[in-house]
Amino acid sequence: MSTDAWIHPLGTDRAHWPAVGAGLAASLVGIGLARFAYTPLLPAMVDSGWFPAPAAAFLGAANLAGYLLGALGGRWLARGSSAQWVMRLMMLLAGASFIACAFPLSEAWFFAWRLLSGIAGGAIMVLVSSLVLPTVPVRQKGLASGAIFLGIGLGIVLSATIVPLMLRTSLQATWLAMGLTALALTAASWAAWPATPGPAGEAARPHRAPRLAAPMRTLLAQYALMAFGLVPEMLFLVDHVVRSLHKGQAVGAEVWLAYGLGAAAGPLLYGMAAHRWGARATIRTALAVQVAAVGALVLSTGTAAVLLLAAVIGTFPSGAVPAALARVHEHVQDHSARQRLWSLATVSFALMQAVSGYAYSALYQVTHGHHVLLFGIGALAYVLALAIDIGPRRRPVALG
């Protein structure tokens, strides 16, 4: 990268940045809000009598099951119409799900809409980078990738600010406010999506089944274990603060805001680290830090310590995405092969999230909300993800 590119990171050609902004809005709506806003809402839903605690936990996991379906079907949907229209419709679906959830007519109704919100998020994750990044000059792809996934962290921050403010009015008003926010972002980004997923030459390349090299097999296993490890805090961090540590809703909201600020920093932090030191070293270091942070969380009761640890833990769910994507780009040179491998990685992540979401929810019910046990199991998954990559450095092998 040239010195000028560092001084002017957006470069002189800014035609692609509206598309990057649309990608940011999509990840904000489909994942940042649709998935993570549920965490600060969970204790409020229980306290308001909408659902009992075990049912509320299982309904939260419905989003993870939907995410798997969306990851599996996203590319199929794009072949049936076009990727940009799928992105628009998925953002609309996510916004509609918030409005529908403002009316808890039954557990089945709520489950269906949470499932649909997850489908929207999974399809967005599979398609957004392959739709937007091919329009970005090579020297700006790292910055653009971080900006797209920054939406996840910004969505958490937005949920951490909207939820506590709107809960002062009502729980129903909170769901409606998030729905209107999502629909406004959908409208604002509607015309910004690129018409094609990249240059015609890239789209016309023949599809060949990729041969998975050892580093990519390791990455797929690691990515699945990462998903298993991050679910407990994603679902139960605020519930732990409010119901186990007895800190109250106000502190719970502050902790979730700290988590969101960490998530906002994660993509750029991990992306720059991957650029400077390599994706493999970044993933290893991040896993080690997460093990230490989760271990400290289960031992901490002070508000300041929990806030700090929440910020550190929050960097991982959003930061792991560009780090894993950078690992794919290090080993796969062909665009279509990258897209297929990233879809496979997203599916493995989504599958483990869905399975673990229900497993953790079942444990939550059986143990009567034993958060420390759930966090400890998640930390063990991080240890396993780190262990499978201990060994001699492998040479990159291009696929496709």
Protein backbone atom coordinates (compact mmCIF):
# COMPACT_ATOMS: atom_id res chain seq x y z
CA MET A 1 0.00 0.00 0.00
CA SER A 2 1.33 3.40 -0.94
CA THR A 3 1.97 6.22 1.50
CA ASP A 4 -0.82 8.26 -0.14
CA ALA A 5 -3.30 5.45 0.52
CA TRP A 6 -2.45 5.57 4.23
CA ILE A 7 -2.81 9.35 4.34
CA HIS A 8 -6.07 9.29 2.33
CA PRO A 9 -7.56 5.91 3.20
CA LEU A 10 -10.70 6.51 1.15
CA GLY A 11 -8.63 7.26 -1.90
CA THR A 12 -9.68 9.50 -4.77
CA ASP A 13 -12.25 7.10 -6.22
CA ARG A 14 -15.19 7.06 -3.82
CA ALA A 15 -17.86 5.67 -6.15
CA HIS A 16 -17.93 2.34 -4.30
CA TRP A 17 -18.43 3.78 -0.80
CA PRO A 18 -22.23 4.03 -1.04
CA ALA A 19 -22.23 0.25 -1.61
CA VAL A 20 -19.96 -0.18 1.42
CA GLY A 21 -22.39 1.95 3.41
CA ALA A 22 -25.23 -0.31 2.28
CA GLY A 23 -23.24 -3.31 3.45
CA LEU A 24 -22.70 -1.64 6.83
CA ALA A 25 -26.44 -0.93 7.11
CA ALA A 26 -27.27 -4.53 6.22
CA SER A 27 -24.96 -6.03 8.84
CA LEU A 28 -26.27 -3.50 11.37
CA VAL A 29 -29.91 -4.42 10.73
CA GLY A 30 -29.61 -8.15 10.00
CA ILE A 31 -27.10 -9.05 12.71
CA GLY A 32 -26.30 -6.10 14.97
CA LEU A 33 -29.96 -5.41 15.76
CA ALA A 34 -31.81 -8.58 14.74
CA ARG A 35 -29.56 -10.84 16.79
CA PHE A 36 -27.90 -8.82 19.50
CA ALA A 37 -30.74 -6.52 20.54
CA TYR A 38 -32.46 -9.56 22.03
CA THR A 39 -29.86 -9.87 24.80
CA PRO A 40 -30.75 -6.68 26.72
CA LEU A 41 -34.44 -7.38 26.06
CA LEU A 42 -34.41 -10.87 27.58
CA PRO A 43 -34.59 -9.90 31.29
CA ALA A 44 -37.18 -7.20 30.50
CA MET A 45 -39.36 -9.74 28.68
CA VAL A 46 -39.18 -12.08 31.65
CA ASP A 47 -39.86 -9.32 34.20
CA SER A 48 -42.78 -8.00 32.13
CA GLY A 49 -44.39 -11.44 32.04
CA TRP A 50 -44.26 -11.86 28.27
CA PHE A 51 -42.59 -15.27 28.57
CA PRO A 52 -41.06 -17.31 31.41
CA ALA A 53 -37.25 -17.31 31.51
CA PRO A 54 -36.71 -20.75 29.88
CA ALA A 55 -39.13 -19.92 27.04
CA ALA A 56 -37.49 -16.53 26.48
CA ALA A 57 -34.08 -18.21 26.20
CA PHE A 58 -35.35 -20.73 23.64
CA LEU A 59 -37.07 -17.99 21.64
CA GLY A 60 -33.77 -16.11 21.52
CA ALA A 61 -32.08 -19.19 20.08
CA ALA A 62 -34.66 -19.24 17.25
CA ASN A 63 -32.69 -16.45 15.61
CA LEU A 64 -29.62 -18.69 15.54
CA ALA A 65 -31.56 -21.50 13.87
CA GLY A 66 -32.82 -19.03 11.27
CA TYR A 67 -29.28 -17.78 10.72
CA LEU A 68 -28.29 -21.30 9.70
CA LEU A 69 -31.18 -21.50 7.22
CA GLY A 70 -30.25 -18.12 5.78
CA ALA A 71 -26.60 -19.09 5.43
CA LEU A 72 -27.59 -22.29 3.63
CA GLY A 73 -30.10 -20.62 1.33
CA GLY A 74 -28.59 -17.19 0.70
CA ARG A 75 -26.69 -18.05 -2.48
CA TRP A 76 -29.65 -20.08 -3.77
CA LEU A 77 -31.92 -17.07 -3.29
CA ALA A 78 -29.43 -14.86 -5.13
CA ARG A 79 -29.36 -17.26 -8.09
CA GLY A 80 -33.16 -17.16 -8.23
CA SER A 81 -33.29 -13.36 -8.50
CA SER A 82 -30.26 -11.16 -7.82
CA ALA A 83 -28.02 -10.58 -4.82
CA GLN A 84 -28.93 -6.91 -4.47
CA TRP A 85 -32.66 -7.70 -4.36
CA VAL A 86 -32.08 -10.44 -1.81
CA MET A 87 -30.24 -7.95 0.39
CA ARG A 88 -33.08 -5.45 0.14
CA LEU A 89 -35.72 -8.05 0.93
CA MET A 90 -33.75 -9.51 3.83
CA MET A 91 -33.39 -6.07 5.40
CA LEU A 92 -37.14 -5.54 4.99
CA LEU A 93 -37.79 -8.94 6.58
CA ALA A 94 -35.59 -8.09 9.57
CA GLY A 95 -37.41 -4.78 10.07
CA ALA A 96 -40.81 -6.45 9.81
CA SER A 97 -39.77 -9.05 12.39
CA PHE A 98 -39.15 -6.34 14.99
CA ILE A 99 -42.61 -4.89 14.46
CA ALA A 100 -44.21 -8.34 14.63
CA CYS A 101 -42.36 -9.12 17.87
CA ALA A 102 -43.93 -6.05 19.45
CA PHE A 103 -47.12 -8.12 19.57
CA PRO A 104 -46.36 -11.38 21.47
CA LEU A 105 -49.54 -13.16 20.37
CA SER A 106 -48.11 -16.58 21.24
CA GLU A 107 -44.81 -18.39 21.61
CA ALA A 108 -45.29 -19.87 18.11
CA TRP A 109 -45.84 -16.40 16.60
CA PHE A 110 -42.78 -15.00 18.35
CA PHE A 111 -40.66 -18.02 17.42
CA ALA A 112 -41.59 -17.71 13.74
CA TRP A 113 -40.61 -14.06 13.53
CA ARG A 114 -37.37 -14.58 15.44
CA LEU A 115 -36.60 -17.44 13.04
CA LEU A 116 -37.27 -15.16 10.05
CA SER A 117 -35.01 -12.46 11.49
CA GLY A 118 -32.24 -15.07 11.70
CA ILE A 119 -32.81 -16.13 8.08
CA ALA A 120 -32.34 -12.51 7.06
CA GLY A 121 -29.08 -12.24 8.99
CA GLY A 122 -27.65 -15.49 7.60
CA ALA A 123 -28.40 -14.55 4.00
CA ILE A 124 -26.89 -11.10 4.52
CA MET A 125 -23.68 -12.55 5.99
CA VAL A 126 -23.23 -14.97 3.08
CA LEU A 127 -23.84 -12.39 0.36
CA VAL A 128 -22.70 -8.99 1.60
CA SER A 129 -18.93 -9.30 1.16
CA SER A 130 -19.14 -11.04 -2.24
CA LEU A 131 -21.59 -8.38 -3.46
CA VAL A 132 -19.75 -5.29 -2.23
CA LEU A 133 -16.01 -6.07 -2.07
CA PRO A 134 -15.50 -6.84 -5.79
CA THR A 135 -16.50 -3.23 -6.51
CA VAL A 136 -13.76 -1.91 -4.18
CA PRO A 137 -10.17 -1.24 -5.37
CA VAL A 138 -7.63 -3.71 -3.99
CA ARG A 139 -5.84 -1.11 -1.86
CA GLN A 140 -9.10 -0.31 -0.04
CA LYS A 141 -10.56 -3.81 0.43
CA GLY A 142 -9.31 -4.18 4.00
CA LEU A 143 -10.82 -0.89 5.09
CA ALA A 144 -14.05 -1.66 3.23
CA SER A 145 -14.33 -5.10 4.84
CA GLY A 146 -13.88 -3.62 8.29
CA ALA A 147 -16.47 -0.93 7.52
CA ILE A 148 -19.06 -3.50 6.41
CA PHE A 149 -18.74 -5.61 9.54
CA LEU A 150 -18.52 -2.51 11.71
CA GLY A 151 -22.28 -2.53 11.30
CA ILE A 152 -22.51 -5.48 13.69
CA GLY A 153 -20.90 -3.49 16.50
CA LEU A 154 -22.83 -0.34 15.69
CA GLY A 155 -26.04 -2.36 15.83
CA ILE A 156 -25.14 -3.53 19.33
CA VAL A 157 -24.35 0.03 20.39
CA LEU A 158 -27.64 1.20 18.90
CA SER A 159 -29.54 -1.53 20.73
CA ALA A 160 -27.74 -0.62 23.94
CA THR A 161 -28.93 2.97 23.63
CA ILE A 162 -32.41 2.49 22.15
CA VAL A 163 -33.45 -0.38 24.45
CA PRO A 164 -32.90 1.29 27.85
CA LEU A 165 -34.46 4.55 26.66
CA MET A 166 -37.49 2.93 25.10
CA LEU A 167 -38.03 0.48 27.97
CA ARG A 168 -38.94 3.52 30.07
CA THR A 169 -41.98 3.80 27.80
CA SER A 170 -42.84 0.14 27.27
CA LEU A 171 -41.42 -3.13 26.00
CA GLN A 172 -43.73 -2.97 23.00
CA ALA A 173 -42.50 0.53 22.13
CA THR A 174 -38.92 -0.78 22.23
CA TRP A 175 -39.60 -3.44 19.60
CA LEU A 176 -41.44 -0.91 17.44
CA ALA A 177 -38.60 1.63 17.68
CA MET A 178 -36.06 -0.94 16.52
CA GLY A 179 -38.35 -1.96 13.68
CA LEU A 180 -38.71 1.62 12.48
CA THR A 181 -34.95 2.13 12.75
CA ALA A 182 -34.33 -0.98 10.66
CA LEU A 183 -36.83 0.08 8.01
CA ALA A 184 -35.32 3.57 7.85
CA LEU A 185 -31.87 2.09 7.23
CA THR A 186 -33.35 -0.22 4.60
CA ALA A 187 -34.85 2.75 2.77
CA ALA A 188 -31.64 4.79 3.05
CA SER A 189 -29.52 2.00 1.53
CA TRP A 190 -32.06 0.83 -1.06
CA ALA A 191 -30.47 2.45 -4.12
CA ALA A 192 -26.84 2.00 -3.03
CA TRP A 193 -26.45 -1.72 -3.75
CA PRO A 194 -24.28 -2.52 -6.80
CA ALA A 195 -26.14 -4.00 -9.74
CA THR A 196 -23.76 -6.95 -10.08
CA PRO A 197 -21.55 -8.86 -7.63
CA GLY A 198 -18.41 -7.74 -9.44
CA PRO A 199 -16.79 -7.44 -12.86
CA ALA A 200 -18.30 -9.63 -15.56
CA GLY A 201 -15.09 -11.58 -15.89
CA GLU A 202 -15.33 -12.71 -12.29
CA ALA A 203 -18.98 -13.68 -12.57
CA ALA A 204 -18.33 -15.64 -15.76
CA ARG A 205 -15.57 -17.83 -14.36
CA PRO A 206 -16.44 -21.53 -14.33
CA HIS A 207 -17.46 -22.96 -10.98
CA ARG A 208 -15.07 -25.61 -9.75
CA ALA A 209 -15.38 -27.51 -6.52
CA PRO A 210 -12.65 -26.19 -4.22
CA ARG A 211 -10.13 -28.57 -2.72
CA LEU A 212 -9.81 -27.73 0.93
CA ALA A 213 -6.20 -27.34 1.98
CA ALA A 214 -5.22 -28.17 5.57
CA PRO A 215 -5.22 -24.50 6.74
CA MET A 216 -8.77 -24.07 5.46
CA ARG A 217 -9.96 -27.25 7.14
CA THR A 218 -8.44 -25.93 10.36
CA LEU A 219 -10.14 -22.57 9.84
CA LEU A 220 -13.55 -24.19 9.35
CA ALA A 221 -13.14 -26.16 12.58
CA GLN A 222 -11.88 -23.09 14.43
CA TYR A 223 -14.69 -20.90 13.11
CA ALA A 224 -17.29 -23.41 14.31
CA LEU A 225 -15.68 -23.57 17.75
CA MET A 226 -15.58 -19.77 17.88
CA ALA A 227 -19.33 -19.76 17.27
CA PHE A 228 -19.84 -22.24 20.09
CA GLY A 229 -17.69 -20.17 22.42
CA LEU A 230 -19.27 -16.76 21.90
CA VAL A 231 -22.92 -17.76 22.26
CA PRO A 232 -23.16 -17.70 26.12
CA GLU A 233 -22.18 -14.04 26.48
CA MET A 234 -24.18 -13.13 23.38
CA LEU A 235 -27.36 -14.58 24.90
CA PHE A 236 -26.87 -14.29 28.65
CA LEU A 237 -24.39 -11.52 29.52
CA VAL A 238 -27.03 -8.97 30.49
CA ASP A 239 -29.11 -11.63 32.21
CA HIS A 240 -26.00 -12.59 34.23
CA VAL A 241 -25.44 -8.98 35.30
CA VAL A 242 -29.09 -8.31 36.14
CA ARG A 243 -30.20 -11.61 37.66
CA SER A 244 -27.03 -13.28 38.98
CA LEU A 245 -24.96 -10.28 40.04
CA HIS A 246 -28.12 -8.33 41.02
CA LYS A 247 -26.82 -5.14 39.42
CA GLY A 248 -30.16 -4.01 38.01
CA GLN A 249 -31.35 -3.08 34.52
CA ALA A 250 -29.38 0.19 34.41
CA VAL A 251 -26.02 -1.53 34.95
CA GLY A 252 -27.09 -4.29 32.58
CA ALA A 253 -27.64 -1.67 29.89
CA GLU A 254 -24.21 -0.14 30.61
CA VAL A 255 -22.56 -3.56 30.33
CA TRP A 256 -24.30 -4.21 27.01
CA LEU A 257 -23.18 -0.80 25.76
CA ALA A 258 -19.59 -1.69 26.73
CA TYR A 259 -20.00 -4.98 24.85
CA GLY A 260 -21.28 -3.03 21.86
CA LEU A 261 -18.42 -0.53 21.92
CA GLY A 262 -16.03 -3.48 21.90
CA ALA A 263 -17.95 -4.97 18.98
CA ALA A 264 -17.71 -1.66 17.10
CA ALA A 265 -13.93 -1.65 17.57
CA GLY A 266 -13.51 -5.35 16.79
CA PRO A 267 -13.65 -5.38 12.97
CA LEU A 268 -11.12 -2.57 12.48
CA LEU A 269 -8.90 -3.82 15.32
CA TYR A 270 -8.80 -7.42 14.10
CA GLY A 271 -8.64 -6.34 10.47
CA MET A 272 -5.57 -4.14 11.04
CA ALA A 273 -3.94 -6.89 13.10
CA ALA A 274 -4.53 -9.43 10.33
CA HIS A 275 -3.05 -7.02 7.79
CA ARG A 276 0.05 -6.38 9.91
CA TRP A 277 0.73 -9.76 11.54
CA GLY A 278 -1.32 -12.19 9.48
CA ALA A 279 -4.75 -13.69 10.05
CA ARG A 280 -3.47 -16.85 11.73
CA ALA A 281 -1.54 -14.98 14.41
CA THR A 282 -4.49 -12.62 14.91
CA ILE A 283 -6.93 -15.49 15.44
CA ARG A 284 -4.58 -17.24 17.86
CA THR A 285 -4.01 -14.10 19.91
CA ALA A 286 -7.70 -13.22 19.95
CA LEU A 287 -8.62 -16.70 21.18
CA ALA A 288 -6.06 -16.53 23.99
CA VAL A 289 -7.33 -13.10 25.05
CA GLN A 290 -10.93 -14.35 25.03
CA VAL A 291 -10.08 -17.32 27.24
CA ALA A 292 -8.49 -14.97 29.77
CA ALA A 293 -11.35 -12.47 29.57
CA VAL A 294 -14.11 -15.04 30.05
CA GLY A 295 -12.17 -16.62 32.90
CA ALA A 296 -11.92 -13.23 34.58
CA LEU A 297 -15.63 -12.56 33.96
CA VAL A 298 -16.78 -15.61 35.92
CA LEU A 299 -14.67 -14.46 38.88
CA SER A 300 -15.66 -10.77 38.75
CA THR A 301 -18.43 -9.07 40.69
CA GLY A 302 -17.30 -5.42 40.57
CA THR A 303 -19.09 -3.20 38.09
CA ALA A 304 -15.93 -1.61 36.68
CA ALA A 305 -14.29 -5.00 36.05
CA VAL A 306 -17.41 -6.39 34.38
CA LEU A 307 -17.66 -3.32 32.13
CA LEU A 308 -14.05 -3.66 31.02
CA LEU A 309 -14.34 -7.39 30.41
CA ALA A 310 -17.59 -6.90 28.49
CA ALA A 311 -15.78 -4.53 26.12
CA VAL A 312 -12.95 -7.03 25.57
CA ILE A 313 -15.34 -9.94 25.04
CA GLY A 314 -17.46 -7.80 22.72
CA THR A 315 -14.62 -7.35 20.23
CA PHE A 316 -14.74 -11.03 19.30
CA PRO A 317 -18.14 -11.74 17.66
CA SER A 318 -17.68 -8.94 15.12
CA GLY A 319 -13.87 -9.06 14.91
CA ALA A 320 -13.73 -12.80 14.23
CA VAL A 321 -15.58 -12.27 10.95
CA PRO A 322 -13.00 -10.10 9.10
CA ALA A 323 -10.17 -12.12 10.67
CA ALA A 324 -11.60 -15.36 9.27
CA LEU A 325 -12.32 -13.68 5.93
CA ALA A 326 -8.71 -12.45 5.81
CA ARG A 327 -7.56 -16.03 6.45
CA VAL A 328 -9.60 -17.17 3.44
CA HIS A 329 -8.10 -14.40 1.27
CA GLU A 330 -4.58 -15.42 2.32
CA HIS A 331 -5.06 -18.94 0.96
CA VAL A 332 -7.61 -18.61 -1.85
CA GLN A 333 -6.89 -16.45 -4.88
CA ASP A 334 -9.90 -17.16 -7.12
CA HIS A 335 -12.94 -14.95 -6.43
CA SER A 336 -15.62 -17.59 -6.98
CA ALA A 337 -13.68 -20.13 -4.88
CA ARG A 338 -13.37 -17.55 -2.11
CA GLN A 339 -17.12 -16.98 -2.24
CA ARG A 340 -17.89 -20.69 -2.00
CA LEU A 341 -15.43 -21.21 0.84
CA TRP A 342 -16.75 -18.19 2.73
CA SER A 343 -20.28 -19.55 2.32
CA LEU A 344 -19.08 -22.87 3.73
CA ALA A 345 -17.41 -21.09 6.65
CA THR A 346 -20.56 -19.08 7.35
CA VAL A 347 -22.66 -22.25 7.28
CA SER A 348 -20.32 -24.00 9.72
CA PHE A 349 -20.47 -20.96 12.00
CA ALA A 350 -24.25 -20.78 11.72
CA LEU A 351 -24.72 -24.52 12.32
CA MET A 352 -22.67 -24.42 15.50
CA GLN A 353 -24.45 -21.29 16.67
CA ALA A 354 -27.86 -22.89 16.15
CA VAL A 355 -26.91 -26.14 17.87
CA SER A 356 -25.14 -24.40 20.73
CA GLY A 357 -27.92 -21.83 21.13
CA TYR A 358 -30.40 -24.54 21.97
CA ALA A 359 -27.86 -26.53 23.98
CA TYR A 360 -27.01 -23.53 26.14
CA SER A 361 -30.70 -22.67 26.49
CA ALA A 362 -31.40 -26.21 27.68
CA LEU A 363 -28.54 -25.99 30.18
CA TYR A 364 -29.84 -22.60 31.30
CA GLN A 365 -33.17 -24.22 32.10
CA VAL A 366 -31.75 -27.35 33.74
CA THR A 367 -29.28 -25.40 35.90
CA HIS A 368 -31.82 -22.65 36.72
CA GLY A 369 -29.69 -19.93 35.11
CA HIS A 370 -26.17 -21.03 36.11
CA HIS A 371 -24.37 -18.47 33.96
CA VAL A 372 -20.86 -19.27 35.19
CA LEU A 373 -21.17 -22.86 33.93
CA LEU A 374 -22.33 -21.64 30.52
CA PHE A 375 -19.48 -19.14 30.24
CA GLY A 376 -16.97 -21.79 31.28
CA ILE A 377 -18.14 -24.17 28.55
CA GLY A 378 -17.77 -21.37 26.01
CA ALA A 379 -14.21 -20.69 27.18
CA LEU A 380 -13.40 -24.38 26.76
CA ALA A 381 -14.49 -24.14 23.12
CA TYR A 382 -12.00 -21.30 22.65
CA VAL A 383 -9.26 -23.45 24.18
CA LEU A 384 -10.05 -26.24 21.72
CA ALA A 385 -10.05 -23.78 18.79
CA LEU A 386 -6.61 -22.61 19.85
CA ALA A 387 -5.30 -26.14 20.41
CA ILE A 388 -6.18 -27.44 16.94
CA ASP A 389 -4.03 -24.75 15.35
CA ILE A 390 -0.93 -25.40 17.48
CA GLY A 391 1.73 -26.70 15.17
CA PRO A 392 4.22 -25.73 12.46
CA ARG A 393 3.29 -22.86 10.19
CA ARG A 394 1.79 -24.11 6.94
CA ARG A 395 2.54 -22.60 3.55
CA PRO A 396 -0.45 -20.91 1.91
CA VAL A 397 -2.10 -23.10 -0.72
CA ALA A 398 -4.22 -21.40 -3.38
CA LEU A 399 -7.57 -23.05 -4.10
CA GLY A 400 -9.75 -22.81 -7.14
